[in-house]
Amino acid sequence: MPPSAQLLAFLDIGGGEMMAIFLVVLLLFGGKKMPELARGLGKSIREFKKVTSGVEDQIKQAIDEVPEVVTKPVRQALAPISPVALPPPAATPPSLSHTPPPATPPPAIPPEPTP
């Protein structure tokens, strides 16, 4: 869709309404001022499009920069951390069956003397 059609669709202006606007402008400003007004309107529309595309570019750039802004501090914080060195494995694996030491019987309690 051409830009002029997009503008008309946005403003919801039909062909008859455009003719009425054209006639009012022609009556107000005359035939000599019409080309000058059309040039001014064209420049204004171009400037508006340029500004809106610049704003869109800035928004897209800001969205693209967010991951870098977030990940850079994380990388800097993790840089001084070094991996933990694990102790070397034992030469012989520990035994899986553990036998408890032999139990010692409790000391015998002497019988009480009877009176």
PDB file of N, CA and C in Angstrom:
ATOM      1  N   MET A   1       0.853  -1.167   0.000  1.00  0.00           N
ATOM      2  CA  MET A   1       0.000   0.000   0.000  1.00  0.00           C
ATOM      3  C   MET A   1       0.903   1.236   0.000  1.00  0.00           C
ATOM      4  N   PRO A   2       0.688   2.176  -0.900  1.00  0.00           N
ATOM      5  CA  PRO A   2       1.517   3.385  -0.947  1.00  0.00           C
ATOM      6  C   PRO A   2       1.332   4.215   0.324  1.00  0.00           C
ATOM      7  N   PRO A   3       2.352   5.019   0.664  1.00  0.00           N
ATOM      8  CA  PRO A   3       2.276   5.809   1.898  1.00  0.00           C
ATOM      9  C   PRO A   3       1.069   6.734   1.945  1.00  0.00           C
ATOM     10  N   SER A   4       0.690   7.324   0.797  1.00  0.00           N
ATOM     11  CA  SER A   4      -0.468   8.222   0.811  1.00  0.00           C
ATOM     12  C   SER A   4      -1.741   7.450   1.145  1.00  0.00           C
ATOM     13  N   ALA A   5      -1.848   6.217   0.643  1.00  0.00           N
ATOM     14  CA  ALA A   5      -3.023   5.400   0.950  1.00  0.00           C
ATOM     15  C   ALA A   5      -3.022   4.997   2.421  1.00  0.00           C
ATOM     16  N   GLN A   6      -1.825   4.747   2.975  1.00  0.00           N
ATOM     17  CA  GLN A   6      -1.740   4.416   4.395  1.00  0.00           C
ATOM     18  C   GLN A   6      -2.187   5.594   5.244  1.00  0.00           C
ATOM     19  N   LEU A   7      -1.774   6.803   4.857  1.00  0.00           N
ATOM     20  CA  LEU A   7      -2.162   7.998   5.602  1.00  0.00           C
ATOM     21  C   LEU A   7      -3.667   8.194   5.534  1.00  0.00           C
ATOM     22  N   LEU A   8      -4.247   8.015   4.339  1.00  0.00           N
ATOM     23  CA  LEU A   8      -5.694   8.171   4.193  1.00  0.00           C
ATOM     24  C   LEU A   8      -6.440   7.102   4.982  1.00  0.00           C
ATOM     25  N   ALA A   9      -5.912   5.875   4.999  1.00  0.00           N
ATOM     26  CA  ALA A   9      -6.557   4.810   5.763  1.00  0.00           C
ATOM     27  C   ALA A   9      -6.460   5.103   7.256  1.00  0.00           C
ATOM     28  N   PHE A  10      -5.332   5.667   7.675  1.00  0.00           N
ATOM     29  CA  PHE A  10      -5.140   6.014   9.081  1.00  0.00           C
ATOM     30  C   PHE A  10      -6.116   7.103   9.500  1.00  0.00           C
ATOM     31  N   LEU A  11      -6.289   8.108   8.645  1.00  0.00           N
ATOM     32  CA  LEU A  11      -7.184   9.220   8.960  1.00  0.00           C
ATOM     33  C   LEU A  11      -8.637   8.898   8.638  1.00  0.00           C
ATOM     34  N   ASP A  12      -8.880   7.769   7.984  1.00  0.00           N
ATOM     35  CA  ASP A  12     -10.221   7.343   7.585  1.00  0.00           C
ATOM     36  C   ASP A  12     -10.896   8.404   6.719  1.00  0.00           C
ATOM     37  N   ILE A  13     -10.142   8.862   5.705  1.00  0.00           N
ATOM     38  CA  ILE A  13     -10.644   9.880   4.780  1.00  0.00           C
ATOM     39  C   ILE A  13     -10.867   9.221   3.426  1.00  0.00           C
ATOM     40  N   GLY A  14     -12.049   9.434   2.858  1.00  0.00           N
ATOM     41  CA  GLY A  14     -12.371   8.880   1.551  1.00  0.00           C
ATOM     42  C   GLY A  14     -12.098   9.895   0.448  1.00  0.00           C
ATOM     43  N   GLY A  15     -12.403   9.514  -0.793  1.00  0.00           N
ATOM     44  CA  GLY A  15     -12.165  10.382  -1.953  1.00  0.00           C
ATOM     45  C   GLY A  15     -13.013  11.643  -1.936  1.00  0.00           C
ATOM     46  N   GLY A  16     -14.291  11.520  -1.581  1.00  0.00           N
ATOM     47  CA  GLY A  16     -15.172  12.688  -1.527  1.00  0.00           C
ATOM     48  C   GLY A  16     -14.728  13.689  -0.471  1.00  0.00           C
ATOM     49  N   GLU A  17     -14.286  13.173   0.655  1.00  0.00           N
ATOM     50  CA  GLU A  17     -13.803  14.057   1.729  1.00  0.00           C
ATOM     51  C   GLU A  17     -12.526  14.777   1.313  1.00  0.00           C
ATOM     52  N   MET A  18     -11.661  14.063   0.570  1.00  0.00           N
ATOM     53  CA  MET A  18     -10.429  14.702   0.081  1.00  0.00           C
ATOM     54  C   MET A  18     -10.758  15.839  -0.886  1.00  0.00           C
ATOM     55  N   MET A  19     -11.735  15.644  -1.760  1.00  0.00           N
ATOM     56  CA  MET A  19     -12.134  16.700  -2.707  1.00  0.00           C
ATOM     57  C   MET A  19     -12.682  17.915  -1.961  1.00  0.00           C
ATOM     58  N   ALA A  20     -13.461  17.682  -0.917  1.00  0.00           N
ATOM     59  CA  ALA A  20     -14.014  18.791  -0.137  1.00  0.00           C
ATOM     60  C   ALA A  20     -12.893  19.572   0.540  1.00  0.00           C
ATOM     61  N   ILE A  21     -11.918  18.864   1.103  1.00  0.00           N
ATOM     62  CA  ILE A  21     -10.776  19.536   1.748  1.00  0.00           C
ATOM     63  C   ILE A  21      -9.996  20.331   0.711  1.00  0.00           C
ATOM     64  N   PHE A  22      -9.774  19.742  -0.471  1.00  0.00           N
ATOM     65  CA  PHE A  22      -9.040  20.430  -1.537  1.00  0.00           C
ATOM     66  C   PHE A  22      -9.756  21.715  -1.947  1.00  0.00           C
ATOM     67  N   LEU A  23     -11.072  21.672  -2.097  1.00  0.00           N
ATOM     68  CA  LEU A  23     -11.834  22.869  -2.488  1.00  0.00           C
ATOM     69  C   LEU A  23     -11.777  23.954  -1.410  1.00  0.00           C
ATOM     70  N   VAL A  24     -11.845  23.570  -0.152  1.00  0.00           N
ATOM     71  CA  VAL A  24     -11.763  24.555   0.941  1.00  0.00           C
ATOM     72  C   VAL A  24     -10.395  25.221   0.942  1.00  0.00           C
ATOM     73  N   VAL A  25      -9.338  24.434   0.780  1.00  0.00           N
ATOM     74  CA  VAL A  25      -7.980  25.001   0.751  1.00  0.00           C
ATOM     75  C   VAL A  25      -7.825  25.904  -0.464  1.00  0.00           C
ATOM     76  N   LEU A  26      -8.365  25.512  -1.598  1.00  0.00           N
ATOM     77  CA  LEU A  26      -8.293  26.326  -2.811  1.00  0.00           C
ATOM     78  C   LEU A  26      -9.014  27.654  -2.614  1.00  0.00           C
ATOM     79  N   LEU A  27     -10.163  27.634  -1.981  1.00  0.00           N
ATOM     80  CA  LEU A  27     -10.904  28.874  -1.728  1.00  0.00           C
ATOM     81  C   LEU A  27     -10.188  29.772  -0.715  1.00  0.00           C
ATOM     82  N   LEU A  28      -9.586  29.163   0.304  1.00  0.00           N
ATOM     83  CA  LEU A  28      -8.921  29.960   1.343  1.00  0.00           C
ATOM     84  C   LEU A  28      -7.611  30.575   0.855  1.00  0.00           C
ATOM     85  N   PHE A  29      -6.789  29.799   0.159  1.00  0.00           N
ATOM     86  CA  PHE A  29      -5.444  30.265  -0.181  1.00  0.00           C
ATOM     87  C   PHE A  29      -5.291  30.663  -1.644  1.00  0.00           C
ATOM     88  N   GLY A  30      -6.149  30.253  -2.505  1.00  0.00           N
ATOM     89  CA  GLY A  30      -6.038  30.607  -3.916  1.00  0.00           C
ATOM     90  C   GLY A  30      -5.137  29.641  -4.657  1.00  0.00           C
ATOM     91  N   GLY A  31      -5.175  29.725  -5.986  1.00  0.00           N
ATOM     92  CA  GLY A  31      -4.414  28.823  -6.840  1.00  0.00           C
ATOM     93  C   GLY A  31      -2.916  29.057  -6.788  1.00  0.00           C
ATOM     94  N   LYS A  32      -2.481  30.306  -6.512  1.00  0.00           N
ATOM     95  CA  LYS A  32      -1.042  30.598  -6.508  1.00  0.00           C
ATOM     96  C   LYS A  32      -0.337  30.015  -5.281  1.00  0.00           C
ATOM     97  N   LYS A  33      -1.029  29.913  -4.176  1.00  0.00           N
ATOM     98  CA  LYS A  33      -0.407  29.406  -2.946  1.00  0.00           C
ATOM     99  C   LYS A  33      -0.457  27.877  -2.846  1.00  0.00           C
ATOM    100  N   MET A  34      -1.269  27.221  -3.647  1.00  0.00           N
ATOM    101  CA  MET A  34      -1.440  25.769  -3.542  1.00  0.00           C
ATOM    102  C   MET A  34      -0.135  24.989  -3.724  1.00  0.00           C
ATOM    103  N   PRO A  35       0.695  25.256  -4.745  1.00  0.00           N
ATOM    104  CA  PRO A  35       1.949  24.498  -4.870  1.00  0.00           C
ATOM    105  C   PRO A  35       2.868  24.700  -3.665  1.00  0.00           C
ATOM    106  N   GLU A  36       2.898  25.917  -3.157  1.00  0.00           N
ATOM    107  CA  GLU A  36       3.744  26.202  -1.993  1.00  0.00           C
ATOM    108  C   GLU A  36       3.243  25.431  -0.763  1.00  0.00           C
ATOM    109  N   LEU A  37       1.941  25.390  -0.581  1.00  0.00           N
ATOM    110  CA  LEU A  37       1.373  24.638   0.541  1.00  0.00           C
ATOM    111  C   LEU A  37       1.627  23.138   0.386  1.00  0.00           C
ATOM    112  N   ALA A  38       1.519  22.641  -0.837  1.00  0.00           N
ATOM    113  CA  ALA A  38       1.757  21.218  -1.082  1.00  0.00           C
ATOM    114  C   ALA A  38       3.213  20.860  -0.792  1.00  0.00           C
ATOM    115  N   ARG A  39       4.145  21.732  -1.204  1.00  0.00           N
ATOM    116  CA  ARG A  39       5.562  21.492  -0.904  1.00  0.00           C
ATOM    117  C   ARG A  39       5.795  21.469   0.602  1.00  0.00           C
ATOM    118  N   GLY A  40       5.222  22.435   1.290  1.00  0.00           N
ATOM    119  CA  GLY A  40       5.378  22.490   2.749  1.00  0.00           C
ATOM    120  C   GLY A  40       4.805  21.259   3.430  1.00  0.00           C
ATOM    121  N   LEU A  41       3.651  20.805   2.943  1.00  0.00           N
ATOM    122  CA  LEU A  41       3.041  19.599   3.500  1.00  0.00           C
ATOM    123  C   LEU A  41       3.921  18.375   3.234  1.00  0.00           C
ATOM    124  N   GLY A  42       4.474  18.283   2.030  1.00  0.00           N
ATOM    125  CA  GLY A  42       5.364  17.163   1.695  1.00  0.00           C
ATOM    126  C   GLY A  42       6.609  17.153   2.560  1.00  0.00           C
ATOM    127  N   LYS A  43       7.203  18.335   2.781  1.00  0.00           N
ATOM    128  CA  LYS A  43       8.388  18.425   3.639  1.00  0.00           C
ATOM    129  C   LYS A  43       8.053  18.023   5.068  1.00  0.00           C
ATOM    130  N   SER A  44       6.899  18.461   5.529  1.00  0.00           N
ATOM    131  CA  SER A  44       6.491  18.118   6.898  1.00  0.00           C
ATOM    132  C   SER A  44       6.302  16.617   7.058  1.00  0.00           C
ATOM    133  N   ILE A  45       5.685  15.998   6.072  1.00  0.00           N
ATOM    134  CA  ILE A  45       5.466  14.550   6.143  1.00  0.00           C
ATOM    135  C   ILE A  45       6.795  13.805   6.108  1.00  0.00           C
ATOM    136  N   ARG A  46       7.725  14.235   5.231  1.00  0.00           N
ATOM    137  CA  ARG A  46       9.043  13.592   5.167  1.00  0.00           C
ATOM    138  C   ARG A  46       9.780  13.737   6.492  1.00  0.00           C
ATOM    139  N   GLU A  47       9.745  14.921   7.080  1.00  0.00           N
ATOM    140  CA  GLU A  47      10.424  15.155   8.358  1.00  0.00           C
ATOM    141  C   GLU A  47       9.808  14.290   9.460  1.00  0.00           C
ATOM    142  N   PHE A  48       8.497  14.197   9.451  1.00  0.00           N
ATOM    143  CA  PHE A  48       7.818  13.362  10.446  1.00  0.00           C
ATOM    144  C   PHE A  48       8.237  11.899  10.307  1.00  0.00           C
ATOM    145  N   LYS A  49       8.299  11.399   9.073  1.00  0.00           N
ATOM    146  CA  LYS A  49       8.716  10.014   8.845  1.00  0.00           C
ATOM    147  C   LYS A  49      10.161   9.791   9.272  1.00  0.00           C
ATOM    148  N   LYS A  50      11.020  10.786   9.002  1.00  0.00           N
ATOM    149  CA  LYS A  50      12.426  10.675   9.374  1.00  0.00           C
ATOM    150  C   LYS A  50      12.571  10.587  10.896  1.00  0.00           C
ATOM    151  N   VAL A  51      11.823  11.425  11.596  1.00  0.00           N
ATOM    152  CA  VAL A  51      11.896  11.426  13.059  1.00  0.00           C
ATOM    153  C   VAL A  51      11.361  10.114  13.623  1.00  0.00           C
ATOM    154  N   THR A  52      10.245   9.639  13.097  1.00  0.00           N
ATOM    155  CA  THR A  52       9.686   8.390  13.619  1.00  0.00           C
ATOM    156  C   THR A  52      10.598   7.200  13.330  1.00  0.00           C
ATOM    157  N   SER A  53      11.242   7.181  12.167  1.00  0.00           N
ATOM    158  CA  SER A  53      12.161   6.070  11.889  1.00  0.00           C
ATOM    159  C   SER A  53      13.390   6.159  12.789  1.00  0.00           C
ATOM    160  N   GLY A  54      13.838   7.379  13.110  1.00  0.00           N
ATOM    161  CA  GLY A  54      14.959   7.533  14.037  1.00  0.00           C
ATOM    162  C   GLY A  54      14.611   7.026  15.427  1.00  0.00           C
ATOM    163  N   VAL A  55      13.405   7.313  15.866  1.00  0.00           N
ATOM    164  CA  VAL A  55      12.962   6.833  17.180  1.00  0.00           C
ATOM    165  C   VAL A  55      12.857   5.311  17.173  1.00  0.00           C
ATOM    166  N   GLU A  56      12.331   4.743  16.102  1.00  0.00           N
ATOM    167  CA  GLU A  56      12.240   3.284  16.000  1.00  0.00           C
ATOM    168  C   GLU A  56      13.626   2.651  16.047  1.00  0.00           C
ATOM    169  N   ASP A  57      14.590   3.242  15.348  1.00  0.00           N
ATOM    170  CA  ASP A  57      15.954   2.714  15.355  1.00  0.00           C
ATOM    171  C   ASP A  57      16.551   2.762  16.754  1.00  0.00           C
ATOM    172  N   GLN A  58      16.322   3.852  17.474  1.00  0.00           N
ATOM    173  CA  GLN A  58      16.851   3.973  18.832  1.00  0.00           C
ATOM    174  C   GLN A  58      16.230   2.933  19.758  1.00  0.00           C
ATOM    175  N   ILE A  59      14.944   2.696  19.604  1.00  0.00           N
ATOM    176  CA  ILE A  59      14.276   1.697  20.442  1.00  0.00           C
ATOM    177  C   ILE A  59      14.816   0.306  20.137  1.00  0.00           C
ATOM    178  N   LYS A  60      14.971  -0.017  18.850  1.00  0.00           N
ATOM    179  CA  LYS A  60      15.506  -1.328  18.476  1.00  0.00           C
ATOM    180  C   LYS A  60      16.932  -1.503  18.990  1.00  0.00           C
ATOM    181  N   GLN A  61      17.742  -0.454  18.901  1.00  0.00           N
ATOM    182  CA  GLN A  61      19.117  -0.520  19.381  1.00  0.00           C
ATOM    183  C   GLN A  61      19.141  -0.720  20.892  1.00  0.00           C
ATOM    184  N   ALA A  62      18.272  -0.027  21.614  1.00  0.00           N
ATOM    185  CA  ALA A  62      18.216  -0.179  23.067  1.00  0.00           C
ATOM    186  C   ALA A  62      17.800  -1.591  23.454  1.00  0.00           C
ATOM    187  N   ILE A  63      16.880  -2.168  22.697  1.00  0.00           N
ATOM    188  CA  ILE A  63      16.447  -3.534  22.986  1.00  0.00           C
ATOM    189  C   ILE A  63      17.582  -4.510  22.714  1.00  0.00           C
ATOM    190  N   ASP A  64      18.354  -4.294  21.656  1.00  0.00           N
ATOM    191  CA  ASP A  64      19.465  -5.184  21.330  1.00  0.00           C
ATOM    192  C   ASP A  64      20.595  -5.072  22.340  1.00  0.00           C
ATOM    193  N   GLU A  65      20.764  -3.915  22.976  1.00  0.00           N
ATOM    194  CA  GLU A  65      21.860  -3.712  23.921  1.00  0.00           C
ATOM    195  C   GLU A  65      21.552  -4.267  25.302  1.00  0.00           C
ATOM    196  N   VAL A  66      20.314  -4.568  25.603  1.00  0.00           N
ATOM    197  CA  VAL A  66      19.945  -5.038  26.937  1.00  0.00           C
ATOM    198  C   VAL A  66      20.715  -6.293  27.332  1.00  0.00           C
ATOM    199  N   PRO A  67      20.803  -7.325  26.491  1.00  0.00           N
ATOM    200  CA  PRO A  67      21.551  -8.507  26.923  1.00  0.00           C
ATOM    201  C   PRO A  67      23.004  -8.197  27.265  1.00  0.00           C
ATOM    202  N   GLU A  68      23.666  -7.338  26.529  1.00  0.00           N
ATOM    203  CA  GLU A  68      25.058  -6.994  26.826  1.00  0.00           C
ATOM    204  C   GLU A  68      25.150  -6.269  28.161  1.00  0.00           C
ATOM    205  N   VAL A  69      24.216  -5.382  28.430  1.00  0.00           N
ATOM    206  CA  VAL A  69      24.217  -4.642  29.688  1.00  0.00           C
ATOM    207  C   VAL A  69      24.020  -5.593  30.859  1.00  0.00           C
ATOM    208  N   VAL A  70      23.242  -6.629  30.660  1.00  0.00           N
ATOM    209  CA  VAL A  70      22.971  -7.577  31.734  1.00  0.00           C
ATOM    210  C   VAL A  70      24.108  -8.577  31.881  1.00  0.00           C
ATOM    211  N   THR A  71      24.631  -9.088  30.774  1.00  0.00           N
ATOM    212  CA  THR A  71      25.622 -10.157  30.858  1.00  0.00           C
ATOM    213  C   THR A  71      27.018  -9.664  31.198  1.00  0.00           C
ATOM    214  N   LYS A  72      27.348  -8.441  30.873  1.00  0.00           N
ATOM    215  CA  LYS A  72      28.700  -7.943  31.136  1.00  0.00           C
ATOM    216  C   LYS A  72      29.021  -7.938  32.634  1.00  0.00           C
ATOM    217  N   PRO A  73      28.166  -7.402  33.516  1.00  0.00           N
ATOM    218  CA  PRO A  73      28.493  -7.452  34.946  1.00  0.00           C
ATOM    219  C   PRO A  73      28.590  -8.875  35.478  1.00  0.00           C
ATOM    220  N   VAL A  74      27.796  -9.783  34.943  1.00  0.00           N
ATOM    221  CA  VAL A  74      27.856 -11.169  35.399  1.00  0.00           C
ATOM    222  C   VAL A  74      29.197 -11.781  35.017  1.00  0.00           C
ATOM    223  N   ARG A  75      29.635 -11.532  33.779  1.00  0.00           N
ATOM    224  CA  ARG A  75      30.941 -12.052  33.352  1.00  0.00           C
ATOM    225  C   ARG A  75      32.065 -11.474  34.202  1.00  0.00           C
ATOM    226  N   GLN A  76      31.982 -10.188  34.512  1.00  0.00           N
ATOM    227  CA  GLN A  76      33.019  -9.557  35.329  1.00  0.00           C
ATOM    228  C   GLN A  76      33.025 -10.130  36.741  1.00  0.00           C
ATOM    229  N   ALA A  77      31.864 -10.427  37.286  1.00  0.00           N
ATOM    230  CA  ALA A  77      31.794 -10.974  38.638  1.00  0.00           C
ATOM    231  C   ALA A  77      32.334 -12.397  38.685  1.00  0.00           C
ATOM    232  N   LEU A  78      32.127 -13.161  37.626  1.00  0.00           N
ATOM    233  CA  LEU A  78      32.568 -14.552  37.611  1.00  0.00           C
ATOM    234  C   LEU A  78      34.023 -14.717  37.180  1.00  0.00           C
ATOM    235  N   ALA A  79      34.628 -13.697  36.621  1.00  0.00           N
ATOM    236  CA  ALA A  79      35.996 -13.816  36.110  1.00  0.00           C
ATOM    237  C   ALA A  79      37.002 -14.199  37.197  1.00  0.00           C
ATOM    238  N   PRO A  80      37.006 -13.583  38.397  1.00  0.00           N
ATOM    239  CA  PRO A  80      38.026 -13.943  39.383  1.00  0.00           C
ATOM    240  C   PRO A  80      37.812 -15.316  40.008  1.00  0.00           C
ATOM    241  N   ILE A  81      36.672 -15.931  39.810  1.00  0.00           N
ATOM    242  CA  ILE A  81      36.406 -17.235  40.405  1.00  0.00           C
ATOM    243  C   ILE A  81      37.090 -18.301  39.564  1.00  0.00           C
ATOM    244  N   SER A  82      37.907 -19.130  40.249  1.00  0.00           N
ATOM    245  CA  SER A  82      38.571 -20.222  39.536  1.00  0.00           C
ATOM    246  C   SER A  82      37.928 -21.533  39.967  1.00  0.00           C
ATOM    247  N   PRO A  83      37.989 -22.542  39.148  1.00  0.00           N
ATOM    248  CA  PRO A  83      37.389 -23.818  39.527  1.00  0.00           C
ATOM    249  C   PRO A  83      38.105 -24.412  40.734  1.00  0.00           C
ATOM    250  N   VAL A  84      37.376 -25.116  41.567  1.00  0.00           N
ATOM    251  CA  VAL A  84      37.933 -25.735  42.766  1.00  0.00           C
ATOM    252  C   VAL A  84      38.692 -26.987  42.350  1.00  0.00           C
ATOM    253  N   ALA A  85      39.925 -27.119  42.884  1.00  0.00           N
ATOM    254  CA  ALA A  85      40.730 -28.301  42.581  1.00  0.00           C
ATOM    255  C   ALA A  85      40.297 -29.431  43.506  1.00  0.00           C
ATOM    256  N   LEU A  86      40.003 -30.575  42.934  1.00  0.00           N
ATOM    257  CA  LEU A  86      39.607 -31.730  43.725  1.00  0.00           C
ATOM    258  C   LEU A  86      40.852 -32.478  44.181  1.00  0.00           C
ATOM    259  N   PRO A  87      40.808 -33.100  45.378  1.00  0.00           N
ATOM    260  CA  PRO A  87      41.978 -33.870  45.825  1.00  0.00           C
ATOM    261  C   PRO A  87      42.168 -35.080  44.911  1.00  0.00           C
ATOM    262  N   PRO A  88      43.407 -35.528  44.772  1.00  0.00           N
ATOM    263  CA  PRO A  88      43.645 -36.689  43.902  1.00  0.00           C
ATOM    264  C   PRO A  88      42.957 -37.923  44.494  1.00  0.00           C
ATOM    265  N   PRO A  89      42.542 -38.837  43.659  1.00  0.00           N
ATOM    266  CA  PRO A  89      41.868 -40.036  44.185  1.00  0.00           C
ATOM    267  C   PRO A  89      42.846 -40.905  44.981  1.00  0.00           C
ATOM    268  N   ALA A  90      42.326 -41.609  45.973  1.00  0.00           N
ATOM    269  CA  ALA A  90      43.158 -42.487  46.812  1.00  0.00           C
ATOM    270  C   ALA A  90      43.673 -43.648  45.968  1.00  0.00           C
ATOM    271  N   ALA A  91      44.853 -44.165  46.352  1.00  0.00           N
ATOM    272  CA  ALA A  91      45.452 -45.257  45.596  1.00  0.00           C
ATOM    273  C   ALA A  91      44.597 -46.515  45.701  1.00  0.00           C
ATOM    274  N   THR A  92      44.109 -46.821  46.904  1.00  0.00           N
ATOM    275  CA  THR A  92      43.248 -47.987  47.068  1.00  0.00           C
ATOM    276  C   THR A  92      41.877 -47.489  47.503  1.00  0.00           C
ATOM    277  N   PRO A  93      40.868 -48.007  46.903  1.00  0.00           N
ATOM    278  CA  PRO A  93      39.537 -47.543  47.297  1.00  0.00           C
ATOM    279  C   PRO A  93      39.201 -48.024  48.703  1.00  0.00           C
ATOM    280  N   PRO A  94      38.475 -47.251  49.433  1.00  0.00           N
ATOM    281  CA  PRO A  94      38.112 -47.690  50.786  1.00  0.00           C
ATOM    282  C   PRO A  94      37.207 -48.913  50.691  1.00  0.00           C
ATOM    283  N   SER A  95      37.291 -49.757  51.747  1.00  0.00           N
ATOM    284  CA  SER A  95      36.492 -50.984  51.713  1.00  0.00           C
ATOM    285  C   SER A  95      35.025 -50.624  51.871  1.00  0.00           C
ATOM    286  N   LEU A  96      34.214 -51.390  51.203  1.00  0.00           N
ATOM    287  CA  LEU A  96      32.794 -51.120  51.247  1.00  0.00           C
ATOM    288  C   LEU A  96      32.146 -51.749  52.478  1.00  0.00           C
ATOM    289  N   SER A  97      32.713 -52.858  52.962  1.00  0.00           N
ATOM    290  CA  SER A  97      32.135 -53.480  54.159  1.00  0.00           C
ATOM    291  C   SER A  97      32.934 -53.012  55.358  1.00  0.00           C
ATOM    292  N   HIS A  98      32.242 -52.476  56.282  1.00  0.00           N
ATOM    293  CA  HIS A  98      32.901 -51.944  57.479  1.00  0.00           C
ATOM    294  C   HIS A  98      32.515 -52.837  58.651  1.00  0.00           C
ATOM    295  N   THR A  99      33.519 -53.447  59.256  1.00  0.00           N
ATOM    296  CA  THR A  99      33.252 -54.295  60.421  1.00  0.00           C
ATOM    297  C   THR A  99      33.538 -53.477  61.661  1.00  0.00           C
ATOM    298  N   PRO A 100      32.574 -53.414  62.552  1.00  0.00           N
ATOM    299  CA  PRO A 100      32.810 -52.634  63.766  1.00  0.00           C
ATOM    300  C   PRO A 100      33.825 -53.333  64.657  1.00  0.00           C
ATOM    301  N   PRO A 101      34.491 -52.581  65.493  1.00  0.00           N
ATOM    302  CA  PRO A 101      35.457 -53.214  66.406  1.00  0.00           C
ATOM    303  C   PRO A 101      34.709 -54.140  67.377  1.00  0.00           C
ATOM    304  N   PRO A 102      35.413 -55.153  67.891  1.00  0.00           N
ATOM    305  CA  PRO A 102      34.743 -56.097  68.795  1.00  0.00           C
ATOM    306  C   PRO A 102      34.246 -55.362  70.039  1.00  0.00           C
ATOM    307  N   ALA A 103      33.075 -55.733  70.453  1.00  0.00           N
ATOM    308  CA  ALA A 103      32.479 -55.092  71.621  1.00  0.00           C
ATOM    309  C   ALA A 103      33.065 -55.697  72.885  1.00  0.00           C
ATOM    310  N   THR A 104      33.304 -54.882  73.854  1.00  0.00           N
ATOM    311  CA  THR A 104      33.797 -55.376  75.150  1.00  0.00           C
ATOM    312  C   THR A 104      32.590 -55.512  76.069  1.00  0.00           C
ATOM    313  N   PRO A 105      32.521 -56.581  76.811  1.00  0.00           N
ATOM    314  CA  PRO A 105      31.374 -56.741  77.699  1.00  0.00           C
ATOM    315  C   PRO A 105      31.450 -55.703  78.819  1.00  0.00           C
ATOM    316  N   PRO A 106      30.311 -55.290  79.301  1.00  0.00           N
ATOM    317  CA  PRO A 106      30.336 -54.319  80.397  1.00  0.00           C
ATOM    318  C   PRO A 106      30.903 -54.962  81.654  1.00  0.00           C
ATOM    319  N   PRO A 107      31.473 -54.153  82.532  1.00  0.00           N
ATOM    320  CA  PRO A 107      32.047 -54.737  83.753  1.00  0.00           C
ATOM    321  C   PRO A 107      30.938 -55.385  84.598  1.00  0.00           C
ATOM    322  N   ALA A 108      31.292 -56.460  85.215  1.00  0.00           N
ATOM    323  CA  ALA A 108      30.323 -57.187  86.035  1.00  0.00           C
ATOM    324  C   ALA A 108      30.063 -56.414  87.311  1.00  0.00           C
ATOM    325  N   ILE A 109      28.823 -56.396  87.711  1.00  0.00           N
ATOM    326  CA  ILE A 109      28.455 -55.694  88.947  1.00  0.00           C
ATOM    327  C   ILE A 109      28.503 -56.737  90.073  1.00  0.00           C
ATOM    328  N   PRO A 110      29.265 -56.421  91.131  1.00  0.00           N
ATOM    329  CA  PRO A 110      29.329 -57.410  92.229  1.00  0.00           C
ATOM    330  C   PRO A 110      27.967 -57.521  92.931  1.00  0.00           C
ATOM    331  N   PRO A 111      27.641 -58.698  93.400  1.00  0.00           N
ATOM    332  CA  PRO A 111      26.365 -58.860  94.094  1.00  0.00           C
ATOM    333  C   PRO A 111      26.378 -58.089  95.409  1.00  0.00           C
ATOM    334  N   GLU A 112      25.214 -57.682  95.832  1.00  0.00           N
ATOM    335  CA  GLU A 112      25.108 -56.917  97.083  1.00  0.00           C
ATOM    336  C   GLU A 112      25.212 -57.894  98.270  1.00  0.00           C
ATOM    337  N   PRO A 113      25.912 -57.450  99.290  1.00  0.00           N
ATOM    338  CA  PRO A 113      25.986 -58.342 100.471  1.00  0.00           C
ATOM    339  C   PRO A 113      24.616 -58.420 101.174  1.00  0.00           C
ATOM    340  N   THR A 114      24.292 -59.562 101.670  1.00  0.00           N
ATOM    341  CA  THR A 114      23.035 -59.723 102.384  1.00  0.00           C
ATOM    342  C   THR A 114      23.284 -59.545 103.882  1.00  0.00           C
ATOM    343  N   PRO A 115      22.505 -58.905 104.619  1.00  0.00           N
ATOM    344  CA  PRO A 115      22.747 -58.736 106.074  1.00  0.00           C
ATOM    345  C   PRO A 115      22.219 -59.818 106.920  1.00  0.00           C
TER     346      PRO A 115
END
